[in-house]
Amino acid sequence: MAGGGHRLELSLATMTARTEAAELRRPQRRTMAALYAELASLLPGLRYRACRADIVDAAMEHVKVLEDTAAVLEAYRAVQASGAGAGGGAARDREVSVSYREAVYFAARLPAARRPGALTRVLEVFDRRGVEVLAATLSRAGGAAVVTVTTATAAPDVVETIRADIARIE
């Protein structure tokens, strides 16, 4: 026999076994395709025909963003809860909360200022310590200023120093 002596098995039995296996996998492929399409539709900024690897990568990045947002909101809620829970006095006037994830989030409740510029004074603290500020917000709640600041990562001792400096702001 020419060609190495191997026989090619051409049988209807082997052909039907392969097609049956393919038929069993087809609904699973359809389900997975539908799930990936649904996941892709939930992700902002993803191009129209992204491959599955891009969809998974974008989903992981979006989860990180959501975790960071949750950390900011938790810090803000801690400041709000401490202000609402206290009846008044110095403990209610001044509160600084810090939350860590991939960045550092500060939320501070400062007493009603005698002079304007609470956000400026808070940002000066970060500037003195050499910490990059990524975002900052200021709002008023019952006369007190509520400041939230998102910064790049910093050493824990620097974070505690900043926390103490913010707590001393008049």
N, C-alpha and C. Protein backbone atom coordinates (compact mmCIF):
# COMPACT_ATOMS: atom_id res chain seq x y z
N MET A 1 0.84 -1.16 0.00
CA MET A 1 0.00 0.00 0.00
C MET A 1 0.89 1.24 0.00
N ALA A 2 0.66 2.13 -0.90
CA ALA A 2 1.46 3.33 -1.01
C ALA A 2 1.00 4.36 0.02
N GLY A 3 1.94 5.23 0.42
CA GLY A 3 1.57 6.32 1.31
C GLY A 3 1.70 5.97 2.77
N GLY A 4 2.44 4.98 3.15
CA GLY A 4 2.71 4.72 4.55
C GLY A 4 1.88 3.62 5.16
N GLY A 5 0.95 3.06 4.49
CA GLY A 5 0.22 1.92 4.99
C GLY A 5 -0.91 2.25 5.94
N HIS A 6 -1.25 3.51 6.17
CA HIS A 6 -2.36 3.85 7.06
C HIS A 6 -3.65 3.91 6.25
N ARG A 7 -4.66 3.32 6.80
CA ARG A 7 -5.96 3.33 6.12
C ARG A 7 -6.82 4.45 6.69
N LEU A 8 -7.48 5.13 5.84
CA LEU A 8 -8.39 6.19 6.24
C LEU A 8 -9.76 5.56 6.45
N GLU A 9 -10.28 5.72 7.64
CA GLU A 9 -11.56 5.12 7.99
C GLU A 9 -12.69 6.03 7.52
N LEU A 10 -13.39 5.60 6.54
CA LEU A 10 -14.55 6.34 6.03
C LEU A 10 -15.78 5.52 6.35
N SER A 11 -16.41 5.89 7.41
CA SER A 11 -17.57 5.13 7.85
C SER A 11 -18.67 6.10 8.22
N LEU A 12 -19.90 5.73 7.95
CA LEU A 12 -21.03 6.57 8.33
C LEU A 12 -21.21 6.62 9.85
N ALA A 13 -20.76 5.59 10.55
CA ALA A 13 -20.90 5.55 12.01
C ALA A 13 -20.05 6.63 12.66
N THR A 14 -18.79 6.80 12.21
CA THR A 14 -17.94 7.84 12.80
C THR A 14 -18.42 9.23 12.40
N MET A 15 -18.96 9.36 11.22
CA MET A 15 -19.45 10.66 10.77
C MET A 15 -20.67 11.10 11.58
N THR A 16 -21.57 10.19 11.87
CA THR A 16 -22.76 10.56 12.63
C THR A 16 -22.42 10.86 14.09
N ALA A 17 -21.39 10.20 14.64
CA ALA A 17 -20.99 10.47 16.03
C ALA A 17 -20.46 11.90 16.15
N ARG A 18 -19.68 12.34 15.15
CA ARG A 18 -19.16 13.71 15.18
C ARG A 18 -20.28 14.74 15.03
N THR A 19 -21.20 14.49 14.15
CA THR A 19 -22.28 15.46 13.94
C THR A 19 -23.22 15.50 15.14
N GLU A 20 -23.41 14.37 15.83
CA GLU A 20 -24.24 14.37 17.03
C GLU A 20 -23.59 15.20 18.13
N ALA A 21 -22.27 15.07 18.29
CA ALA A 21 -21.57 15.86 19.30
C ALA A 21 -21.65 17.35 18.97
N ALA A 22 -21.51 17.68 17.70
CA ALA A 22 -21.62 19.08 17.29
C ALA A 22 -23.02 19.62 17.54
N GLU A 23 -24.02 18.79 17.30
CA GLU A 23 -25.40 19.21 17.54
C GLU A 23 -25.66 19.45 19.03
N LEU A 24 -25.01 18.66 19.89
CA LEU A 24 -25.18 18.85 21.33
C LEU A 24 -24.52 20.14 21.81
N ARG A 25 -23.41 20.54 21.19
CA ARG A 25 -22.69 21.75 21.60
C ARG A 25 -23.31 23.02 21.03
N ARG A 26 -24.07 22.92 19.99
CA ARG A 26 -24.63 24.10 19.33
C ARG A 26 -25.50 24.95 20.27
N PRO A 27 -26.42 24.38 21.05
CA PRO A 27 -27.20 25.22 21.98
C PRO A 27 -26.32 25.90 23.04
N GLN A 28 -25.28 25.20 23.49
CA GLN A 28 -24.37 25.80 24.47
C GLN A 28 -23.65 27.00 23.86
N ARG A 29 -23.22 26.87 22.60
CA ARG A 29 -22.55 27.98 21.94
C ARG A 29 -23.50 29.16 21.78
N ARG A 30 -24.75 28.88 21.43
CA ARG A 30 -25.73 29.95 21.29
C ARG A 30 -25.96 30.67 22.63
N THR A 31 -26.07 29.89 23.69
CA THR A 31 -26.27 30.47 25.02
C THR A 31 -25.09 31.34 25.41
N MET A 32 -23.87 30.83 25.21
CA MET A 32 -22.68 31.60 25.56
C MET A 32 -22.58 32.87 24.72
N ALA A 33 -22.90 32.77 23.44
CA ALA A 33 -22.86 33.95 22.58
C ALA A 33 -23.86 35.00 23.06
N ALA A 34 -25.04 34.55 23.48
CA ALA A 34 -26.05 35.48 23.99
C ALA A 34 -25.59 36.13 25.30
N LEU A 35 -24.95 35.35 26.17
CA LEU A 35 -24.47 35.90 27.43
C LEU A 35 -23.35 36.91 27.22
N TYR A 36 -22.42 36.61 26.31
CA TYR A 36 -21.35 37.57 26.00
C TYR A 36 -21.92 38.84 25.38
N ALA A 37 -22.92 38.70 24.52
CA ALA A 37 -23.54 39.87 23.90
C ALA A 37 -24.22 40.74 24.96
N GLU A 38 -24.88 40.10 25.92
CA GLU A 38 -25.54 40.85 26.99
C GLU A 38 -24.51 41.56 27.87
N LEU A 39 -23.41 40.87 28.20
CA LEU A 39 -22.35 41.48 28.99
C LEU A 39 -21.75 42.67 28.25
N ALA A 40 -21.51 42.51 26.96
CA ALA A 40 -20.93 43.60 26.17
C ALA A 40 -21.87 44.80 26.14
N SER A 41 -23.17 44.56 26.12
CA SER A 41 -24.12 45.68 26.08
C SER A 41 -24.14 46.46 27.39
N LEU A 42 -23.70 45.85 28.48
CA LEU A 42 -23.69 46.52 29.78
C LEU A 42 -22.44 47.35 30.01
N LEU A 43 -21.42 47.19 29.17
CA LEU A 43 -20.14 47.86 29.38
C LEU A 43 -20.07 49.14 28.57
N PRO A 44 -19.82 50.27 29.23
CA PRO A 44 -19.73 51.53 28.50
C PRO A 44 -18.42 51.61 27.71
N GLY A 45 -18.51 52.18 26.52
CA GLY A 45 -17.30 52.44 25.73
C GLY A 45 -16.72 51.24 25.03
N LEU A 46 -17.41 50.13 24.97
CA LEU A 46 -16.89 48.94 24.29
C LEU A 46 -17.31 49.00 22.83
N ARG A 47 -16.36 48.70 21.95
CA ARG A 47 -16.69 48.78 20.52
C ARG A 47 -17.73 47.73 20.16
N TYR A 48 -18.37 47.93 19.03
CA TYR A 48 -19.53 47.13 18.64
C TYR A 48 -19.22 45.65 18.53
N ARG A 49 -18.21 45.25 17.80
CA ARG A 49 -17.90 43.84 17.57
C ARG A 49 -16.63 43.44 18.32
N ALA A 50 -16.65 43.51 19.61
CA ALA A 50 -15.49 43.15 20.42
C ALA A 50 -15.42 41.63 20.57
N CYS A 51 -14.19 41.13 20.62
CA CYS A 51 -14.02 39.69 20.83
C CYS A 51 -14.26 39.37 22.31
N ARG A 52 -14.37 38.09 22.61
CA ARG A 52 -14.69 37.68 23.98
C ARG A 52 -13.61 38.10 24.98
N ALA A 53 -12.35 38.04 24.56
CA ALA A 53 -11.27 38.45 25.46
C ALA A 53 -11.39 39.94 25.80
N ASP A 54 -11.72 40.77 24.80
CA ASP A 54 -11.90 42.20 25.05
C ASP A 54 -13.10 42.46 25.97
N ILE A 55 -14.15 41.67 25.80
CA ILE A 55 -15.33 41.82 26.65
C ILE A 55 -14.99 41.50 28.10
N VAL A 56 -14.25 40.42 28.31
CA VAL A 56 -13.87 40.03 29.68
C VAL A 56 -12.94 41.07 30.29
N ASP A 57 -11.96 41.56 29.51
CA ASP A 57 -11.05 42.59 30.02
C ASP A 57 -11.81 43.87 30.39
N ALA A 58 -12.73 44.29 29.53
CA ALA A 58 -13.51 45.49 29.81
C ALA A 58 -14.39 45.29 31.04
N ALA A 59 -14.94 44.10 31.20
CA ALA A 59 -15.77 43.81 32.38
C ALA A 59 -14.94 43.89 33.66
N MET A 60 -13.73 43.35 33.63
CA MET A 60 -12.87 43.40 34.81
C MET A 60 -12.50 44.84 35.15
N GLU A 61 -12.19 45.66 34.15
CA GLU A 61 -11.88 47.07 34.40
C GLU A 61 -13.09 47.80 34.97
N HIS A 62 -14.26 47.50 34.45
CA HIS A 62 -15.48 48.16 34.93
C HIS A 62 -15.77 47.77 36.38
N VAL A 63 -15.51 46.53 36.74
CA VAL A 63 -15.69 46.09 38.13
C VAL A 63 -14.75 46.87 39.05
N LYS A 64 -13.50 47.08 38.62
CA LYS A 64 -12.56 47.87 39.43
C LYS A 64 -13.07 49.29 39.63
N VAL A 65 -13.60 49.89 38.57
CA VAL A 65 -14.14 51.25 38.68
C VAL A 65 -15.31 51.26 39.66
N LEU A 66 -16.17 50.26 39.57
CA LEU A 66 -17.31 50.20 40.49
C LEU A 66 -16.86 49.99 41.93
N GLU A 67 -15.83 49.18 42.15
CA GLU A 67 -15.31 48.98 43.51
C GLU A 67 -14.75 50.29 44.06
N ASP A 68 -14.02 51.04 43.22
CA ASP A 68 -13.49 52.33 43.66
C ASP A 68 -14.61 53.31 43.99
N THR A 69 -15.64 53.32 43.17
CA THR A 69 -16.78 54.19 43.43
C THR A 69 -17.47 53.80 44.73
N ALA A 70 -17.59 52.51 44.96
CA ALA A 70 -18.20 52.03 46.21
C ALA A 70 -17.37 52.47 47.42
N ALA A 71 -16.05 52.44 47.30
CA ALA A 71 -15.20 52.87 48.40
C ALA A 71 -15.40 54.35 48.71
N VAL A 72 -15.52 55.17 47.67
CA VAL A 72 -15.78 56.59 47.87
C VAL A 72 -17.12 56.80 48.57
N LEU A 73 -18.12 56.10 48.10
CA LEU A 73 -19.45 56.25 48.69
C LEU A 73 -19.49 55.75 50.13
N GLU A 74 -18.74 54.68 50.44
CA GLU A 74 -18.67 54.19 51.82
C GLU A 74 -18.03 55.23 52.73
N ALA A 75 -16.96 55.86 52.26
CA ALA A 75 -16.31 56.89 53.06
C ALA A 75 -17.25 58.07 53.26
N TYR A 76 -17.95 58.46 52.21
CA TYR A 76 -18.89 59.58 52.31
C TYR A 76 -20.04 59.23 53.26
N ARG A 77 -20.54 58.00 53.17
CA ARG A 77 -21.63 57.57 54.05
C ARG A 77 -21.16 57.56 55.50
N ALA A 78 -19.92 57.15 55.75
CA ALA A 78 -19.41 57.14 57.13
C ALA A 78 -19.39 58.54 57.71
N VAL A 79 -19.00 59.51 56.88
CA VAL A 79 -18.99 60.89 57.36
C VAL A 79 -20.41 61.38 57.60
N GLN A 80 -21.32 61.07 56.67
CA GLN A 80 -22.71 61.49 56.82
C GLN A 80 -23.35 60.84 58.05
N ALA A 81 -23.09 59.54 58.24
CA ALA A 81 -23.69 58.83 59.37
C ALA A 81 -23.16 59.35 60.70
N SER A 82 -21.88 59.68 60.76
CA SER A 82 -21.34 60.19 62.01
C SER A 82 -21.92 61.56 62.33
N GLY A 83 -22.20 62.34 61.30
CA GLY A 83 -22.80 63.65 61.51
C GLY A 83 -24.26 63.55 61.90
N ALA A 84 -24.98 62.61 61.31
CA ALA A 84 -26.40 62.45 61.61
C ALA A 84 -26.61 61.78 62.96
N GLY A 85 -25.70 60.90 63.35
CA GLY A 85 -25.86 60.17 64.60
C GLY A 85 -25.56 61.00 65.82
N ALA A 86 -24.68 61.97 65.69
CA ALA A 86 -24.32 62.79 66.84
C ALA A 86 -25.32 63.92 66.99
N GLY A 87 -25.56 64.29 68.22
CA GLY A 87 -26.50 65.37 68.46
C GLY A 87 -25.91 66.74 68.17
N GLY A 88 -24.65 66.88 68.25
CA GLY A 88 -23.98 68.16 68.02
C GLY A 88 -22.66 68.16 68.73
N GLY A 89 -22.03 69.31 68.82
CA GLY A 89 -20.78 69.42 69.53
C GLY A 89 -19.59 69.21 68.62
N ALA A 90 -18.42 69.13 69.25
CA ALA A 90 -17.17 69.06 68.50
C ALA A 90 -17.03 67.77 67.72
N ALA A 91 -17.54 66.65 68.25
CA ALA A 91 -17.42 65.38 67.53
C ALA A 91 -18.19 65.43 66.22
N ARG A 92 -19.30 66.12 66.23
CA ARG A 92 -20.10 66.22 65.01
C ARG A 92 -19.47 67.21 64.04
N ASP A 93 -18.82 68.24 64.58
CA ASP A 93 -18.28 69.30 63.73
C ASP A 93 -17.16 68.82 62.82
N ARG A 94 -16.35 67.92 63.29
CA ARG A 94 -15.15 67.57 62.55
C ARG A 94 -15.03 66.06 62.44
N GLU A 95 -14.98 65.56 61.23
CA GLU A 95 -14.85 64.12 60.99
C GLU A 95 -14.09 63.93 59.70
N VAL A 96 -13.07 63.07 59.73
CA VAL A 96 -12.30 62.75 58.52
C VAL A 96 -12.28 61.24 58.38
N SER A 97 -12.73 60.75 57.24
CA SER A 97 -12.76 59.31 56.97
C SER A 97 -11.86 59.02 55.78
N VAL A 98 -11.14 57.89 55.85
CA VAL A 98 -10.22 57.51 54.77
C VAL A 98 -10.56 56.09 54.34
N SER A 99 -10.57 55.87 53.03
CA SER A 99 -10.83 54.54 52.47
C SER A 99 -9.76 54.24 51.43
N TYR A 100 -9.25 53.01 51.44
CA TYR A 100 -8.20 52.61 50.52
C TYR A 100 -8.73 51.61 49.52
N ARG A 101 -8.38 51.76 48.29
CA ARG A 101 -8.51 50.75 47.23
C ARG A 101 -7.27 50.95 46.39
N GLU A 102 -7.44 51.09 45.09
CA GLU A 102 -6.28 51.38 44.25
C GLU A 102 -5.87 52.83 44.38
N ALA A 103 -6.75 53.67 44.88
CA ALA A 103 -6.45 55.06 45.18
C ALA A 103 -6.87 55.29 46.64
N VAL A 104 -6.66 56.50 47.14
CA VAL A 104 -7.03 56.82 48.51
C VAL A 104 -8.16 57.84 48.44
N TYR A 105 -9.22 57.62 49.23
CA TYR A 105 -10.38 58.49 49.23
C TYR A 105 -10.54 59.10 50.62
N PHE A 106 -10.63 60.41 50.66
CA PHE A 106 -10.83 61.13 51.90
C PHE A 106 -12.22 61.76 51.86
N ALA A 107 -12.93 61.68 52.95
CA ALA A 107 -14.20 62.40 53.10
C ALA A 107 -14.13 63.12 54.44
N ALA A 108 -14.35 64.42 54.42
CA ALA A 108 -14.21 65.21 55.64
C ALA A 108 -15.42 66.11 55.83
N ARG A 109 -15.89 66.17 57.07
CA ARG A 109 -16.94 67.13 57.44
C ARG A 109 -16.24 68.19 58.29
N LEU A 110 -16.28 69.42 57.79
CA LEU A 110 -15.64 70.52 58.48
C LEU A 110 -16.72 71.43 59.06
N PRO A 111 -16.46 72.03 60.22
CA PRO A 111 -17.46 72.91 60.82
C PRO A 111 -17.73 74.11 59.92
N ALA A 112 -18.83 74.78 60.21
CA ALA A 112 -19.15 75.99 59.44
C ALA A 112 -17.98 76.95 59.53
N ALA A 113 -17.47 77.32 58.38
CA ALA A 113 -16.25 78.13 58.34
C ALA A 113 -16.55 79.58 58.67
N ARG A 114 -15.60 80.19 59.37
CA ARG A 114 -15.71 81.61 59.65
C ARG A 114 -15.32 82.42 58.42
N ARG A 115 -14.53 81.79 57.55
CA ARG A 115 -14.13 82.44 56.30
C ARG A 115 -14.24 81.43 55.17
N PRO A 116 -14.47 81.90 53.94
CA PRO A 116 -14.59 80.98 52.81
C PRO A 116 -13.25 80.35 52.45
N GLY A 117 -13.29 79.28 51.67
CA GLY A 117 -12.06 78.65 51.19
C GLY A 117 -11.76 77.31 51.81
N ALA A 118 -12.77 76.59 52.27
CA ALA A 118 -12.54 75.29 52.91
C ALA A 118 -11.87 74.31 51.95
N LEU A 119 -12.34 74.25 50.72
CA LEU A 119 -11.75 73.33 49.75
C LEU A 119 -10.30 73.70 49.47
N THR A 120 -10.01 74.98 49.37
CA THR A 120 -8.64 75.42 49.12
C THR A 120 -7.73 75.00 50.26
N ARG A 121 -8.18 75.18 51.50
CA ARG A 121 -7.35 74.79 52.64
C ARG A 121 -7.12 73.29 52.68
N VAL A 122 -8.13 72.51 52.31
CA VAL A 122 -7.95 71.05 52.27
C VAL A 122 -6.96 70.66 51.19
N LEU A 123 -7.08 71.27 50.02
CA LEU A 123 -6.16 70.94 48.92
C LEU A 123 -4.73 71.36 49.22
N GLU A 124 -4.56 72.44 49.99
CA GLU A 124 -3.21 72.86 50.39
C GLU A 124 -2.53 71.79 51.25
N VAL A 125 -3.30 71.07 52.05
CA VAL A 125 -2.74 69.99 52.87
C VAL A 125 -2.11 68.92 51.97
N PHE A 126 -2.81 68.55 50.92
CA PHE A 126 -2.29 67.53 50.00
C PHE A 126 -1.06 68.06 49.26
N ASP A 127 -1.10 69.33 48.90
CA ASP A 127 0.04 69.93 48.19
C ASP A 127 1.28 69.95 49.08
N ARG A 128 1.12 70.30 50.35
CA ARG A 128 2.26 70.32 51.28
C ARG A 128 2.88 68.94 51.44
N ARG A 129 2.07 67.90 51.39
CA ARG A 129 2.57 66.53 51.57
C ARG A 129 3.02 65.89 50.25
N GLY A 130 2.83 66.59 49.13
CA GLY A 130 3.28 66.07 47.84
C GLY A 130 2.43 64.94 47.29
N VAL A 131 1.15 64.91 47.64
CA VAL A 131 0.24 63.87 47.18
C VAL A 131 -0.60 64.43 46.05
N GLU A 132 -0.66 63.71 44.93
CA GLU A 132 -1.41 64.16 43.76
C GLU A 132 -2.91 63.98 43.99
N VAL A 133 -3.66 65.06 43.80
CA VAL A 133 -5.12 65.02 43.93
C VAL A 133 -5.70 64.73 42.56
N LEU A 134 -6.53 63.68 42.48
CA LEU A 134 -7.16 63.30 41.22
C LEU A 134 -8.52 63.97 41.05
N ALA A 135 -9.28 64.10 42.14
CA ALA A 135 -10.60 64.73 42.07
C ALA A 135 -10.97 65.24 43.46
N ALA A 136 -11.78 66.31 43.49
CA ALA A 136 -12.23 66.87 44.76
C ALA A 136 -13.62 67.45 44.58
N THR A 137 -14.46 67.29 45.61
CA THR A 137 -15.80 67.88 45.59
C THR A 137 -16.06 68.56 46.92
N LEU A 138 -16.94 69.53 46.89
CA LEU A 138 -17.33 70.26 48.09
C LEU A 138 -18.84 70.41 48.08
N SER A 139 -19.47 70.12 49.22
CA SER A 139 -20.91 70.34 49.34
C SER A 139 -21.19 70.86 50.74
N ARG A 140 -22.34 71.42 50.92
CA ARG A 140 -22.75 71.96 52.22
C ARG A 140 -23.85 71.07 52.79
N ALA A 141 -23.74 70.79 54.08
CA ALA A 141 -24.76 69.99 54.77
C ALA A 141 -24.98 70.62 56.13
N GLY A 142 -26.08 71.32 56.28
CA GLY A 142 -26.40 71.92 57.57
C GLY A 142 -25.38 72.94 58.03
N GLY A 143 -24.83 73.71 57.12
CA GLY A 143 -23.85 74.72 57.47
C GLY A 143 -22.42 74.21 57.45
N ALA A 144 -22.22 72.91 57.60
CA ALA A 144 -20.88 72.34 57.57
C ALA A 144 -20.49 72.05 56.12
N ALA A 145 -19.19 72.06 55.87
CA ALA A 145 -18.68 71.73 54.54
C ALA A 145 -18.31 70.26 54.52
N VAL A 146 -18.77 69.55 53.49
CA VAL A 146 -18.40 68.15 53.30
C VAL A 146 -17.50 68.10 52.08
N VAL A 147 -16.26 67.68 52.29
CA VAL A 147 -15.25 67.65 51.23
C VAL A 147 -14.87 66.20 50.97
N THR A 148 -14.90 65.78 49.71
CA THR A 148 -14.38 64.46 49.33
C THR A 148 -13.23 64.67 48.37
N VAL A 149 -12.15 63.91 48.59
CA VAL A 149 -10.95 64.04 47.77
C VAL A 149 -10.48 62.64 47.39
N THR A 150 -10.18 62.46 46.11
CA THR A 150 -9.59 61.23 45.61
C THR A 150 -8.15 61.53 45.24
N THR A 151 -7.22 60.72 45.77
CA THR A 151 -5.80 60.96 45.50
C THR A 151 -5.15 59.71 44.95
N ALA A 152 -3.96 59.91 44.42
CA ALA A 152 -3.14 58.77 44.02
C ALA A 152 -2.71 58.04 45.29
N THR A 153 -2.18 56.85 45.14
CA THR A 153 -1.77 56.09 46.31
C THR A 153 -0.68 56.84 47.07
N ALA A 154 -0.67 56.65 48.37
CA ALA A 154 0.30 57.29 49.24
C ALA A 154 0.64 56.34 50.38
N ALA A 155 1.77 56.58 50.99
CA ALA A 155 2.20 55.75 52.12
C ALA A 155 1.23 55.93 53.28
N PRO A 156 1.01 54.89 54.08
CA PRO A 156 0.05 54.99 55.19
C PRO A 156 0.39 56.10 56.19
N ASP A 157 1.67 56.33 56.46
CA ASP A 157 2.02 57.40 57.41
C ASP A 157 1.69 58.78 56.84
N VAL A 158 1.86 58.95 55.53
CA VAL A 158 1.50 60.22 54.88
C VAL A 158 -0.02 60.41 54.94
N VAL A 159 -0.76 59.33 54.70
CA VAL A 159 -2.22 59.40 54.74
C VAL A 159 -2.70 59.81 56.13
N GLU A 160 -2.11 59.22 57.16
CA GLU A 160 -2.51 59.57 58.53
C GLU A 160 -2.14 61.01 58.87
N THR A 161 -1.00 61.48 58.37
CA THR A 161 -0.61 62.87 58.59
C THR A 161 -1.60 63.82 57.92
N ILE A 162 -1.99 63.49 56.69
CA ILE A 162 -2.98 64.30 55.97
C ILE A 162 -4.31 64.29 56.72
N ARG A 163 -4.69 63.13 57.19
CA ARG A 163 -5.95 63.01 57.94
C ARG A 163 -5.93 63.92 59.17
N ALA A 164 -4.82 63.91 59.91
CA ALA A 164 -4.71 64.75 61.09
C ALA A 164 -4.70 66.23 60.72
N ASP A 165 -4.00 66.59 59.63
CA ASP A 165 -3.97 67.99 59.19
C ASP A 165 -5.36 68.49 58.81
N ILE A 166 -6.11 67.65 58.11
CA ILE A 166 -7.46 68.06 57.70
C ILE A 166 -8.35 68.23 58.93
N ALA A 167 -8.19 67.36 59.92
CA ALA A 167 -9.01 67.45 61.14
C ALA A 167 -8.74 68.74 61.90
N ARG A 168 -7.55 69.33 61.72
CA ARG A 168 -7.21 70.58 62.42
C ARG A 168 -7.60 71.84 61.64
N ILE A 169 -8.15 71.70 60.46
CA ILE A 169 -8.51 72.88 59.66
C ILE A 169 -9.63 73.64 60.34
N GLU A 170 -9.48 74.95 60.45
CA GLU A 170 -10.49 75.83 61.06
C GLU A 170 -11.41 76.36 60.00
